[in-house]
Amino acid sequence: MEGKLELTHTDYPGLRVIHVAASRIDSAAAIQFKDQMRALTDDLTYRAVLDLSAVSFIDSSGLGAIVASLKQMPSGIRLDLASLQEDVARVLRLTRMDKVFIIHDALDLAVAPNGH
């Protein structure tokens, strides 16, 4: 296994930003990603944004893990994506997941008070 996938978070009023500290979300990291996402979002009562600025590669398992994280969010709580690198954005477009997630070009746009 290459590097350990680590998720950290920053809380703002009414928003949790979850930072992915890994360059890849792939089959080797997918289960770890889902488990960490569940731990960070289980009891959320407000919106979350997944900061993907460090992620340069995502495969079908990684995409599946992100979608699974969306589905495991508490009822009525949104999971947005922010700061996608071009290859990751392309995967989301090709799979039409760009229609499922709200995607912010930059993290500061997602964090801004009108980011929702």
PDB file of N, CA and C in Angstrom:
ATOM      1  N   MET A   1       0.844  -1.183   0.000  1.00  0.00           N
ATOM      2  CA  MET A   1       0.000   0.000   0.000  1.00  0.00           C
ATOM      3  C   MET A   1       0.878   1.231   0.000  1.00  0.00           C
ATOM      4  N   GLU A   2       0.606   2.116  -0.906  1.00  0.00           N
ATOM      5  CA  GLU A   2       1.435   3.291  -1.136  1.00  0.00           C
ATOM      6  C   GLU A   2       1.475   4.211   0.083  1.00  0.00           C
ATOM      7  N   GLY A   3       0.578   5.186   0.152  1.00  0.00           N
ATOM      8  CA  GLY A   3       0.531   6.073   1.299  1.00  0.00           C
ATOM      9  C   GLY A   3      -0.785   5.899   2.007  1.00  0.00           C
ATOM     10  N   LYS A   4      -0.764   6.250   3.272  1.00  0.00           N
ATOM     11  CA  LYS A   4      -1.996   6.135   4.051  1.00  0.00           C
ATOM     12  C   LYS A   4      -2.906   7.303   3.708  1.00  0.00           C
ATOM     13  N   LEU A   5      -4.148   6.984   3.422  1.00  0.00           N
ATOM     14  CA  LEU A   5      -5.122   8.031   3.140  1.00  0.00           C
ATOM     15  C   LEU A   5      -5.554   8.634   4.469  1.00  0.00           C
ATOM     16  N   GLU A   6      -5.527   9.941   4.550  1.00  0.00           N
ATOM     17  CA  GLU A   6      -5.937  10.588   5.782  1.00  0.00           C
ATOM     18  C   GLU A   6      -6.920  11.708   5.473  1.00  0.00           C
ATOM     19  N   LEU A   7      -7.992  11.751   6.243  1.00  0.00           N
ATOM     20  CA  LEU A   7      -8.962  12.827   6.141  1.00  0.00           C
ATOM     21  C   LEU A   7      -8.878  13.669   7.395  1.00  0.00           C
ATOM     22  N   THR A   8      -8.811  14.974   7.204  1.00  0.00           N
ATOM     23  CA  THR A   8      -8.863  15.902   8.325  1.00  0.00           C
ATOM     24  C   THR A   8     -10.055  16.819   8.091  1.00  0.00           C
ATOM     25  N   HIS A   9     -10.422  17.585   9.085  1.00  0.00           N
ATOM     26  CA  HIS A   9     -11.560  18.479   8.876  1.00  0.00           C
ATOM     27  C   HIS A   9     -11.369  19.802   9.585  1.00  0.00           C
ATOM     28  N   THR A  10     -12.067  20.798   9.055  1.00  0.00           N
ATOM     29  CA  THR A  10     -12.123  22.133   9.621  1.00  0.00           C
ATOM     30  C   THR A  10     -13.593  22.494   9.729  1.00  0.00           C
ATOM     31  N   ASP A  11     -14.013  22.914  10.908  1.00  0.00           N
ATOM     32  CA  ASP A  11     -15.409  23.290  11.095  1.00  0.00           C
ATOM     33  C   ASP A  11     -15.569  24.802  11.037  1.00  0.00           C
ATOM     34  N   TYR A  12     -16.597  25.222  10.319  1.00  0.00           N
ATOM     35  CA  TYR A  12     -17.026  26.613  10.228  1.00  0.00           C
ATOM     36  C   TYR A  12     -18.475  26.640  10.710  1.00  0.00           C
ATOM     37  N   PRO A  13     -19.016  27.819  10.986  1.00  0.00           N
ATOM     38  CA  PRO A  13     -20.437  27.851  11.374  1.00  0.00           C
ATOM     39  C   PRO A  13     -21.310  27.246  10.261  1.00  0.00           C
ATOM     40  N   GLY A  14     -22.001  26.162  10.577  1.00  0.00           N
ATOM     41  CA  GLY A  14     -22.908  25.538   9.619  1.00  0.00           C
ATOM     42  C   GLY A  14     -22.235  24.779   8.491  1.00  0.00           C
ATOM     43  N   LEU A  15     -20.956  24.464   8.633  1.00  0.00           N
ATOM     44  CA  LEU A  15     -20.228  23.805   7.552  1.00  0.00           C
ATOM     45  C   LEU A  15     -19.037  23.021   8.098  1.00  0.00           C
ATOM     46  N   ARG A  16     -18.854  21.805   7.607  1.00  0.00           N
ATOM     47  CA  ARG A  16     -17.642  21.038   7.896  1.00  0.00           C
ATOM     48  C   ARG A  16     -16.913  20.819   6.576  1.00  0.00           C
ATOM     49  N   VAL A  17     -15.662  21.237   6.531  1.00  0.00           N
ATOM     50  CA  VAL A  17     -14.823  20.980   5.357  1.00  0.00           C
ATOM     51  C   VAL A  17     -13.958  19.772   5.681  1.00  0.00           C
ATOM     52  N   ILE A  18     -14.036  18.770   4.814  1.00  0.00           N
ATOM     53  CA  ILE A  18     -13.252  17.549   4.985  1.00  0.00           C
ATOM     54  C   ILE A  18     -12.150  17.557   3.931  1.00  0.00           C
ATOM     55  N   HIS A  19     -10.903  17.556   4.402  1.00  0.00           N
ATOM     56  CA  HIS A  19      -9.737  17.638   3.515  1.00  0.00           C
ATOM     57  C   HIS A  19      -9.180  16.236   3.285  1.00  0.00           C
ATOM     58  N   VAL A  20      -8.951  15.897   2.025  1.00  0.00           N
ATOM     59  CA  VAL A  20      -8.350  14.609   1.676  1.00  0.00           C
ATOM     60  C   VAL A  20      -6.848  14.821   1.539  1.00  0.00           C
ATOM     61  N   ALA A  21      -6.078  14.202   2.434  1.00  0.00           N
ATOM     62  CA  ALA A  21      -4.619  14.333   2.401  1.00  0.00           C
ATOM     63  C   ALA A  21      -4.033  13.116   1.688  1.00  0.00           C
ATOM     64  N   ALA A  22      -4.337  13.007   0.393  1.00  0.00           N
ATOM     65  CA  ALA A  22      -3.816  11.913  -0.429  1.00  0.00           C
ATOM     66  C   ALA A  22      -3.948  12.333  -1.884  1.00  0.00           C
ATOM     67  N   SER A  23      -3.055  11.834  -2.724  1.00  0.00           N
ATOM     68  CA  SER A  23      -3.119  12.205  -4.136  1.00  0.00           C
ATOM     69  C   SER A  23      -4.039  11.277  -4.922  1.00  0.00           C
ATOM     70  N   ARG A  24      -4.419  10.128  -4.310  1.00  0.00           N
ATOM     71  CA  ARG A  24      -5.238   9.146  -5.021  1.00  0.00           C
ATOM     72  C   ARG A  24      -6.366   8.644  -4.122  1.00  0.00           C
ATOM     73  N   ILE A  25      -7.535   8.487  -4.730  1.00  0.00           N
ATOM     74  CA  ILE A  25      -8.601   7.723  -4.084  1.00  0.00           C
ATOM     75  C   ILE A  25      -8.885   6.591  -5.059  1.00  0.00           C
ATOM     76  N   ASP A  26      -8.338   5.423  -4.733  1.00  0.00           N
ATOM     77  CA  ASP A  26      -8.436   4.273  -5.634  1.00  0.00           C
ATOM     78  C   ASP A  26      -8.860   3.051  -4.844  1.00  0.00           C
ATOM     79  N   SER A  27      -8.810   1.890  -5.477  1.00  0.00           N
ATOM     80  CA  SER A  27      -9.298   0.673  -4.826  1.00  0.00           C
ATOM     81  C   SER A  27      -8.555   0.386  -3.520  1.00  0.00           C
ATOM     82  N   ALA A  28      -7.272   0.745  -3.458  1.00  0.00           N
ATOM     83  CA  ALA A  28      -6.502   0.501  -2.237  1.00  0.00           C
ATOM     84  C   ALA A  28      -6.964   1.390  -1.082  1.00  0.00           C
ATOM     85  N   ALA A  29      -7.549   2.537  -1.400  1.00  0.00           N
ATOM     86  CA  ALA A  29      -7.918   3.505  -0.369  1.00  0.00           C
ATOM     87  C   ALA A  29      -9.422   3.607  -0.137  1.00  0.00           C
ATOM     88  N   ALA A  30     -10.219   2.980  -0.987  1.00  0.00           N
ATOM     89  CA  ALA A  30     -11.672   3.210  -0.970  1.00  0.00           C
ATOM     90  C   ALA A  30     -12.335   2.847   0.355  1.00  0.00           C
ATOM     91  N   ILE A  31     -12.012   1.700   0.924  1.00  0.00           N
ATOM     92  CA  ILE A  31     -12.658   1.289   2.175  1.00  0.00           C
ATOM     93  C   ILE A  31     -12.244   2.211   3.316  1.00  0.00           C
ATOM     94  N   GLN A  32     -10.970   2.528   3.365  1.00  0.00           N
ATOM     95  CA  GLN A  32     -10.456   3.457   4.380  1.00  0.00           C
ATOM     96  C   GLN A  32     -11.143   4.818   4.241  1.00  0.00           C
ATOM     97  N   PHE A  33     -11.296   5.287   3.000  1.00  0.00           N
ATOM     98  CA  PHE A  33     -11.957   6.563   2.745  1.00  0.00           C
ATOM     99  C   PHE A  33     -13.391   6.534   3.270  1.00  0.00           C
ATOM    100  N   LYS A  34     -14.145   5.482   2.915  1.00  0.00           N
ATOM    101  CA  LYS A  34     -15.547   5.385   3.352  1.00  0.00           C
ATOM    102  C   LYS A  34     -15.653   5.352   4.876  1.00  0.00           C
ATOM    103  N   ASP A  35     -14.778   4.592   5.522  1.00  0.00           N
ATOM    104  CA  ASP A  35     -14.816   4.492   6.986  1.00  0.00           C
ATOM    105  C   ASP A  35     -14.526   5.838   7.643  1.00  0.00           C
ATOM    106  N   GLN A  36     -13.510   6.535   7.146  1.00  0.00           N
ATOM    107  CA  GLN A  36     -13.174   7.845   7.721  1.00  0.00           C
ATOM    108  C   GLN A  36     -14.278   8.865   7.444  1.00  0.00           C
ATOM    109  N   MET A  37     -14.854   8.808   6.251  1.00  0.00           N
ATOM    110  CA  MET A  37     -15.960   9.727   5.934  1.00  0.00           C
ATOM    111  C   MET A  37     -17.153   9.473   6.862  1.00  0.00           C
ATOM    112  N   ARG A  38     -17.459   8.208   7.095  1.00  0.00           N
ATOM    113  CA  ARG A  38     -18.581   7.882   7.977  1.00  0.00           C
ATOM    114  C   ARG A  38     -18.323   8.455   9.375  1.00  0.00           C
ATOM    115  N   ALA A  39     -17.108   8.291   9.872  1.00  0.00           N
ATOM    116  CA  ALA A  39     -16.770   8.793  11.206  1.00  0.00           C
ATOM    117  C   ALA A  39     -16.889  10.321  11.276  1.00  0.00           C
ATOM    118  N   LEU A  40     -16.555  11.006  10.185  1.00  0.00           N
ATOM    119  CA  LEU A  40     -16.586  12.474  10.177  1.00  0.00           C
ATOM    120  C   LEU A  40     -17.963  13.056   9.882  1.00  0.00           C
ATOM    121  N   THR A  41     -18.880  12.247   9.369  1.00  0.00           N
ATOM    122  CA  THR A  41     -20.180  12.804   8.958  1.00  0.00           C
ATOM    123  C   THR A  41     -21.373  12.184   9.676  1.00  0.00           C
ATOM    124  N   ASP A  42     -21.142  11.127  10.446  1.00  0.00           N
ATOM    125  CA  ASP A  42     -22.234  10.404  11.104  1.00  0.00           C
ATOM    126  C   ASP A  42     -23.254  11.278  11.816  1.00  0.00           C
ATOM    127  N   ASP A  43     -22.766  12.242  12.578  1.00  0.00           N
ATOM    128  CA  ASP A  43     -23.663  13.036  13.415  1.00  0.00           C
ATOM    129  C   ASP A  43     -23.770  14.486  12.946  1.00  0.00           C
ATOM    130  N   LEU A  44     -23.432  14.734  11.687  1.00  0.00           N
ATOM    131  CA  LEU A  44     -23.501  16.104  11.175  1.00  0.00           C
ATOM    132  C   LEU A  44     -24.945  16.586  11.099  1.00  0.00           C
ATOM    133  N   THR A  45     -25.137  17.840  11.427  1.00  0.00           N
ATOM    134  CA  THR A  45     -26.464  18.449  11.292  1.00  0.00           C
ATOM    135  C   THR A  45     -26.412  19.593  10.291  1.00  0.00           C
ATOM    136  N   TYR A  46     -25.294  19.727   9.592  1.00  0.00           N
ATOM    137  CA  TYR A  46     -25.130  20.793   8.603  1.00  0.00           C
ATOM    138  C   TYR A  46     -24.280  20.284   7.446  1.00  0.00           C
ATOM    139  N   ARG A  47     -24.189  21.109   6.421  1.00  0.00           N
ATOM    140  CA  ARG A  47     -23.532  20.772   5.158  1.00  0.00           C
ATOM    141  C   ARG A  47     -22.056  20.419   5.335  1.00  0.00           C
ATOM    142  N   ALA A  48     -21.584  19.542   4.460  1.00  0.00           N
ATOM    143  CA  ALA A  48     -20.167  19.193   4.415  1.00  0.00           C
ATOM    144  C   ALA A  48     -19.642  19.439   3.005  1.00  0.00           C
ATOM    145  N   VAL A  49     -18.375  19.812   2.930  1.00  0.00           N
ATOM    146  CA  VAL A  49     -17.702  19.991   1.645  1.00  0.00           C
ATOM    147  C   VAL A  49     -16.448  19.126   1.663  1.00  0.00           C
ATOM    148  N   LEU A  50     -16.295  18.322   0.633  1.00  0.00           N
ATOM    149  CA  LEU A  50     -15.117  17.467   0.496  1.00  0.00           C
ATOM    150  C   LEU A  50     -14.087  18.212  -0.352  1.00  0.00           C
ATOM    151  N   ASP A  51     -12.979  18.579   0.280  1.00  0.00           N
ATOM    152  CA  ASP A  51     -11.897  19.310  -0.393  1.00  0.00           C
ATOM    153  C   ASP A  51     -10.994  18.293  -1.090  1.00  0.00           C
ATOM    154  N   LEU A  52     -11.066  18.276  -2.422  1.00  0.00           N
ATOM    155  CA  LEU A  52     -10.304  17.312  -3.214  1.00  0.00           C
ATOM    156  C   LEU A  52      -9.085  17.941  -3.893  1.00  0.00           C
ATOM    157  N   SER A  53      -8.620  19.079  -3.390  1.00  0.00           N
ATOM    158  CA  SER A  53      -7.527  19.805  -4.057  1.00  0.00           C
ATOM    159  C   SER A  53      -6.239  18.988  -4.155  1.00  0.00           C
ATOM    160  N   ALA A  54      -5.988  18.075  -3.224  1.00  0.00           N
ATOM    161  CA  ALA A  54      -4.757  17.276  -3.255  1.00  0.00           C
ATOM    162  C   ALA A  54      -4.891  16.027  -4.117  1.00  0.00           C
ATOM    163  N   VAL A  55      -6.115  15.697  -4.521  1.00  0.00           N
ATOM    164  CA  VAL A  55      -6.371  14.439  -5.229  1.00  0.00           C
ATOM    165  C   VAL A  55      -6.199  14.627  -6.736  1.00  0.00           C
ATOM    166  N   SER A  56      -5.227  13.899  -7.312  1.00  0.00           N
ATOM    167  CA  SER A  56      -4.985  14.009  -8.751  1.00  0.00           C
ATOM    168  C   SER A  56      -5.490  12.793  -9.511  1.00  0.00           C
ATOM    169  N   PHE A  57      -5.854  11.717  -8.792  1.00  0.00           N
ATOM    170  CA  PHE A  57      -6.315  10.504  -9.456  1.00  0.00           C
ATOM    171  C   PHE A  57      -7.458   9.881  -8.678  1.00  0.00           C
ATOM    172  N   ILE A  58      -8.469   9.463  -9.414  1.00  0.00           N
ATOM    173  CA  ILE A  58      -9.586   8.742  -8.814  1.00  0.00           C
ATOM    174  C   ILE A  58     -10.005   7.660  -9.799  1.00  0.00           C
ATOM    175  N   ASP A  59     -10.212   6.442  -9.293  1.00  0.00           N
ATOM    176  CA  ASP A  59     -10.688   5.378 -10.178  1.00  0.00           C
ATOM    177  C   ASP A  59     -12.138   5.049  -9.807  1.00  0.00           C
ATOM    178  N   SER A  60     -12.679   4.004 -10.412  1.00  0.00           N
ATOM    179  CA  SER A  60     -14.094   3.692 -10.179  1.00  0.00           C
ATOM    180  C   SER A  60     -14.357   3.353  -8.713  1.00  0.00           C
ATOM    181  N   SER A  61     -13.403   2.711  -8.053  1.00  0.00           N
ATOM    182  CA  SER A  61     -13.572   2.404  -6.626  1.00  0.00           C
ATOM    183  C   SER A  61     -13.585   3.678  -5.795  1.00  0.00           C
ATOM    184  N   GLY A  62     -12.721   4.610  -6.146  1.00  0.00           N
ATOM    185  CA  GLY A  62     -12.682   5.894  -5.441  1.00  0.00           C
ATOM    186  C   GLY A  62     -13.959   6.686  -5.652  1.00  0.00           C
ATOM    187  N   LEU A  63     -14.437   6.687  -6.894  1.00  0.00           N
ATOM    188  CA  LEU A  63     -15.697   7.372  -7.190  1.00  0.00           C
ATOM    189  C   LEU A  63     -16.840   6.712  -6.425  1.00  0.00           C
ATOM    190  N   GLY A  64     -16.835   5.385  -6.405  1.00  0.00           N
ATOM    191  CA  GLY A  64     -17.842   4.655  -5.655  1.00  0.00           C
ATOM    192  C   GLY A  64     -17.807   5.005  -4.175  1.00  0.00           C
ATOM    193  N   ALA A  65     -16.615   5.188  -3.629  1.00  0.00           N
ATOM    194  CA  ALA A  65     -16.469   5.540  -2.215  1.00  0.00           C
ATOM    195  C   ALA A  65     -17.033   6.937  -1.939  1.00  0.00           C
ATOM    196  N   ILE A  66     -16.826   7.867  -2.869  1.00  0.00           N
ATOM    197  CA  ILE A  66     -17.367   9.218  -2.700  1.00  0.00           C
ATOM    198  C   ILE A  66     -18.892   9.186  -2.773  1.00  0.00           C
ATOM    199  N   VAL A  67     -19.427   8.427  -3.733  1.00  0.00           N
ATOM    200  CA  VAL A  67     -20.888   8.300  -3.859  1.00  0.00           C
ATOM    201  C   VAL A  67     -21.465   7.619  -2.616  1.00  0.00           C
ATOM    202  N   ALA A  68     -20.781   6.578  -2.119  1.00  0.00           N
ATOM    203  CA  ALA A  68     -21.239   5.900  -0.901  1.00  0.00           C
ATOM    204  C   ALA A  68     -21.250   6.874   0.271  1.00  0.00           C
ATOM    205  N   SER A  69     -20.264   7.767   0.324  1.00  0.00           N
ATOM    206  CA  SER A  69     -20.214   8.768   1.390  1.00  0.00           C
ATOM    207  C   SER A  69     -21.395   9.720   1.302  1.00  0.00           C
ATOM    208  N   LEU A  70     -21.782  10.066   0.083  1.00  0.00           N
ATOM    209  CA  LEU A  70     -22.962  10.910  -0.112  1.00  0.00           C
ATOM    210  C   LEU A  70     -24.203  10.193   0.421  1.00  0.00           C
ATOM    211  N   LYS A  71     -24.322   8.913   0.088  1.00  0.00           N
ATOM    212  CA  LYS A  71     -25.506   8.143   0.489  1.00  0.00           C
ATOM    213  C   LYS A  71     -25.566   7.904   1.993  1.00  0.00           C
ATOM    214  N   GLN A  72     -24.412   7.887   2.657  1.00  0.00           N
ATOM    215  CA  GLN A  72     -24.409   7.640   4.100  1.00  0.00           C
ATOM    216  C   GLN A  72     -24.511   8.932   4.913  1.00  0.00           C
ATOM    217  N   MET A  73     -24.635  10.067   4.239  1.00  0.00           N
ATOM    218  CA  MET A  73     -24.813  11.326   4.963  1.00  0.00           C
ATOM    219  C   MET A  73     -26.144  11.282   5.720  1.00  0.00           C
ATOM    220  N   PRO A  74     -26.205  11.939   6.879  1.00  0.00           N
ATOM    221  CA  PRO A  74     -27.487  12.003   7.585  1.00  0.00           C
ATOM    222  C   PRO A  74     -28.566  12.594   6.676  1.00  0.00           C
ATOM    223  N   SER A  75     -29.785  12.188   6.876  1.00  0.00           N
ATOM    224  CA  SER A  75     -30.908  12.611   6.031  1.00  0.00           C
ATOM    225  C   SER A  75     -30.986  14.130   5.912  1.00  0.00           C
ATOM    226  N   GLY A  76     -31.058  14.600   4.657  1.00  0.00           N
ATOM    227  CA  GLY A  76     -31.209  16.025   4.401  1.00  0.00           C
ATOM    228  C   GLY A  76     -29.914  16.823   4.457  1.00  0.00           C
ATOM    229  N   ILE A  77     -28.798  16.166   4.727  1.00  0.00           N
ATOM    230  CA  ILE A  77     -27.509  16.874   4.832  1.00  0.00           C
ATOM    231  C   ILE A  77     -26.747  16.694   3.523  1.00  0.00           C
ATOM    232  N   ARG A  78     -26.266  17.821   2.996  1.00  0.00           N
ATOM    233  CA  ARG A  78     -25.611  17.843   1.689  1.00  0.00           C
ATOM    234  C   ARG A  78     -24.112  17.569   1.801  1.00  0.00           C
ATOM    235  N   LEU A  79     -23.576  16.911   0.795  1.00  0.00           N
ATOM    236  CA  LEU A  79     -22.126  16.746   0.645  1.00  0.00           C
ATOM    237  C   LEU A  79     -21.741  17.360  -0.691  1.00  0.00           C
ATOM    238  N   ASP A  80     -21.013  18.466  -0.640  1.00  0.00           N
ATOM    239  CA  ASP A  80     -20.527  19.131  -1.847  1.00  0.00           C
ATOM    240  C   ASP A  80     -19.074  18.734  -2.079  1.00  0.00           C
ATOM    241  N   LEU A  81     -18.587  19.002  -3.283  1.00  0.00           N
ATOM    242  CA  LEU A  81     -17.189  18.774  -3.624  1.00  0.00           C
ATOM    243  C   LEU A  81     -16.546  20.110  -3.968  1.00  0.00           C
ATOM    244  N   ALA A  82     -15.251  20.231  -3.699  1.00  0.00           N
ATOM    245  CA  ALA A  82     -14.560  21.487  -4.006  1.00  0.00           C
ATOM    246  C   ALA A  82     -13.142  21.219  -4.500  1.00  0.00           C
ATOM    247  N   SER A  83     -12.656  22.127  -5.329  1.00  0.00           N
ATOM    248  CA  SER A  83     -11.259  22.173  -5.771  1.00  0.00           C
ATOM    249  C   SER A  83     -10.813  20.910  -6.498  1.00  0.00           C
ATOM    250  N   LEU A  84     -11.584  20.504  -7.507  1.00  0.00           N
ATOM    251  CA  LEU A  84     -11.236  19.300  -8.264  1.00  0.00           C
ATOM    252  C   LEU A  84     -10.118  19.594  -9.261  1.00  0.00           C
ATOM    253  N   GLN A  85      -9.116  18.713  -9.293  1.00  0.00           N
ATOM    254  CA  GLN A  85      -8.110  18.786 -10.340  1.00  0.00           C
ATOM    255  C   GLN A  85      -8.756  18.281 -11.633  1.00  0.00           C
ATOM    256  N   GLU A  86      -8.194  18.647 -12.773  1.00  0.00           N
ATOM    257  CA  GLU A  86      -8.841  18.380 -14.062  1.00  0.00           C
ATOM    258  C   GLU A  86      -9.153  16.907 -14.293  1.00  0.00           C
ATOM    259  N   ASP A  87      -8.219  16.004 -13.963  1.00  0.00           N
ATOM    260  CA  ASP A  87      -8.466  14.575 -14.203  1.00  0.00           C
ATOM    261  C   ASP A  87      -9.633  14.060 -13.354  1.00  0.00           C
ATOM    262  N   VAL A  88      -9.724  14.536 -12.131  1.00  0.00           N
ATOM    263  CA  VAL A  88     -10.819  14.135 -11.244  1.00  0.00           C
ATOM    264  C   VAL A  88     -12.138  14.722 -11.755  1.00  0.00           C
ATOM    265  N   ALA A  89     -12.112  15.978 -12.175  1.00  0.00           N
ATOM    266  CA  ALA A  89     -13.314  16.621 -12.724  1.00  0.00           C
ATOM    267  C   ALA A  89     -13.787  15.872 -13.963  1.00  0.00           C
ATOM    268  N   ARG A  90     -12.849  15.408 -14.790  1.00  0.00           N
ATOM    269  CA  ARG A  90     -13.196  14.677 -16.006  1.00  0.00           C
ATOM    270  C   ARG A  90     -13.917  13.368 -15.654  1.00  0.00           C
ATOM    271  N   VAL A  91     -13.430  12.645 -14.654  1.00  0.00           N
ATOM    272  CA  VAL A  91     -14.088  11.401 -14.232  1.00  0.00           C
ATOM    273  C   VAL A  91     -15.518  11.697 -13.785  1.00  0.00           C
ATOM    274  N   LEU A  92     -15.703  12.766 -13.034  1.00  0.00           N
ATOM    275  CA  LEU A  92     -17.055  13.117 -12.573  1.00  0.00           C
ATOM    276  C   LEU A  92     -17.959  13.495 -13.742  1.00  0.00           C
ATOM    277  N   ARG A  93     -17.412  14.209 -14.734  1.00  0.00           N
ATOM    278  CA  ARG A  93     -18.215  14.560 -15.914  1.00  0.00           C
ATOM    279  C   ARG A  93     -18.588  13.323 -16.724  1.00  0.00           C
ATOM    280  N   LEU A  94     -17.608  12.440 -16.959  1.00  0.00           N
ATOM    281  CA  LEU A  94     -17.842  11.237 -17.771  1.00  0.00           C
ATOM    282  C   LEU A  94     -18.889  10.320 -17.143  1.00  0.00           C
ATOM    283  N   THR A  95     -18.931  10.286 -15.830  1.00  0.00           N
ATOM    284  CA  THR A  95     -19.879   9.409 -15.129  1.00  0.00           C
ATOM    285  C   THR A  95     -21.158  10.159 -14.750  1.00  0.00           C
ATOM    286  N   ARG A  96     -21.243  11.419 -15.162  1.00  0.00           N
ATOM    287  CA  ARG A  96     -22.399  12.287 -14.892  1.00  0.00           C
ATOM    288  C   ARG A  96     -22.604  12.564 -13.403  1.00  0.00           C
ATOM    289  N   MET A  97     -21.590  12.296 -12.613  1.00  0.00           N
ATOM    290  CA  MET A  97     -21.677  12.591 -11.178  1.00  0.00           C
ATOM    291  C   MET A  97     -21.604  14.097 -10.924  1.00  0.00           C
ATOM    292  N   ASP A  98     -21.174  14.853 -11.952  1.00  0.00           N
ATOM    293  CA  ASP A  98     -21.170  16.306 -11.816  1.00  0.00           C
ATOM    294  C   ASP A  98     -22.593  16.847 -11.750  1.00  0.00           C
ATOM    295  N   LYS A  99     -23.580  16.002 -12.097  1.00  0.00           N
ATOM    296  CA  LYS A  99     -24.996  16.388 -11.994  1.00  0.00           C
ATOM    297  C   LYS A  99     -25.567  16.007 -10.625  1.00  0.00           C
ATOM    298  N   VAL A 100     -24.875  15.119  -9.915  1.00  0.00           N
ATOM    299  CA  VAL A 100     -25.340  14.636  -8.618  1.00  0.00           C
ATOM    300  C   VAL A 100     -24.809  15.516  -7.493  1.00  0.00           C
ATOM    301  N   PHE A 101     -23.542  15.897  -7.600  1.00  0.00           N
ATOM    302  CA  PHE A 101     -22.889  16.708  -6.570  1.00  0.00           C
ATOM    303  C   PHE A 101     -22.906  18.178  -6.957  1.00  0.00           C
ATOM    304  N   ILE A 102     -22.967  19.040  -5.957  1.00  0.00           N
ATOM    305  CA  ILE A 102     -22.688  20.456  -6.184  1.00  0.00           C
ATOM    306  C   ILE A 102     -21.173  20.577  -6.104  1.00  0.00           C
ATOM    307  N   ILE A 103     -20.577  21.135  -7.150  1.00  0.00           N
ATOM    308  CA  ILE A 103     -19.118  21.225  -7.236  1.00  0.00           C
ATOM    309  C   ILE A 103     -18.704  22.691  -7.225  1.00  0.00           C
ATOM    310  N   HIS A 104     -17.825  23.022  -6.295  1.00  0.00           N
ATOM    311  CA  HIS A 104     -17.307  24.383  -6.178  1.00  0.00           C
ATOM    312  C   HIS A 104     -15.905  24.417  -6.788  1.00  0.00           C
ATOM    313  N   ASP A 105     -15.640  25.444  -7.610  1.00  0.00           N
ATOM    314  CA  ASP A 105     -14.332  25.546  -8.256  1.00  0.00           C
ATOM    315  C   ASP A 105     -13.203  25.674  -7.247  1.00  0.00           C
ATOM    316  N   ALA A 106     -13.469  26.393  -6.173  1.00  0.00           N
ATOM    317  CA  ALA A 106     -12.437  26.619  -5.156  1.00  0.00           C
ATOM    318  C   ALA A 106     -13.056  26.483  -3.771  1.00  0.00           C
ATOM    319  N   LEU A 107     -12.238  26.082  -2.825  1.00  0.00           N
ATOM    320  CA  LEU A 107     -12.727  25.860  -1.474  1.00  0.00           C
ATOM    321  C   LEU A 107     -13.276  27.142  -0.855  1.00  0.00           C
ATOM    322  N   ASP A 108     -12.615  28.276  -1.114  1.00  0.00           N
ATOM    323  CA  ASP A 108     -13.101  29.517  -0.503  1.00  0.00           C
ATOM    324  C   ASP A 108     -14.496  29.887  -1.001  1.00  0.00           C
ATOM    325  N   LEU A 109     -14.850  29.476  -2.228  1.00  0.00           N
ATOM    326  CA  LEU A 109     -16.208  29.712  -2.732  1.00  0.00           C
ATOM    327  C   LEU A 109     -17.225  28.842  -1.986  1.00  0.00           C
ATOM    328  N   ALA A 110     -16.811  27.639  -1.623  1.00  0.00           N
ATOM    329  CA  ALA A 110     -17.699  26.736  -0.888  1.00  0.00           C
ATOM    330  C   ALA A 110     -17.895  27.203   0.548  1.00  0.00           C
ATOM    331  N   VAL A 111     -16.855  27.810   1.120  1.00  0.00           N
ATOM    332  CA  VAL A 111     -16.888  28.231   2.516  1.00  0.00           C
ATOM    333  C   VAL A 111     -17.612  29.571   2.680  1.00  0.00           C
ATOM    334  N   ALA A 112     -17.618  30.374   1.609  1.00  0.00           N
ATOM    335  CA  ALA A 112     -18.264  31.693   1.681  1.00  0.00           C
ATOM    336  C   ALA A 112     -19.703  31.549   2.150  1.00  0.00           C
ATOM    337  N   PRO A 113     -20.228  32.526   2.885  1.00  0.00           N
ATOM    338  CA  PRO A 113     -21.585  32.434   3.408  1.00  0.00           C
ATOM    339  C   PRO A 113     -22.638  32.137   2.334  1.00  0.00           C
ATOM    340  N   ASN A 114     -22.424  32.579   1.108  1.00  0.00           N
ATOM    341  CA  ASN A 114     -23.393  32.294   0.052  1.00  0.00           C
ATOM    342  C   ASN A 114     -23.012  31.032  -0.744  1.00  0.00           C
ATOM    343  N   GLY A 115     -22.107  30.221  -0.200  1.00  0.00           N
ATOM    344  CA  GLY A 115     -21.647  29.010  -0.872  1.00  0.00           C
ATOM    345  C   GLY A 115     -22.665  27.900  -0.884  1.00  0.00           C
ATOM    346  N   HIS A 116     -23.787  28.115  -0.293  1.00  0.00           N
ATOM    347  CA  HIS A 116     -24.849  27.097  -0.298  1.00  0.00           C
ATOM    348  C   HIS A 116     -26.028  27.670  -1.000  1.00  0.00           C
TER     349      HIS A 116
END
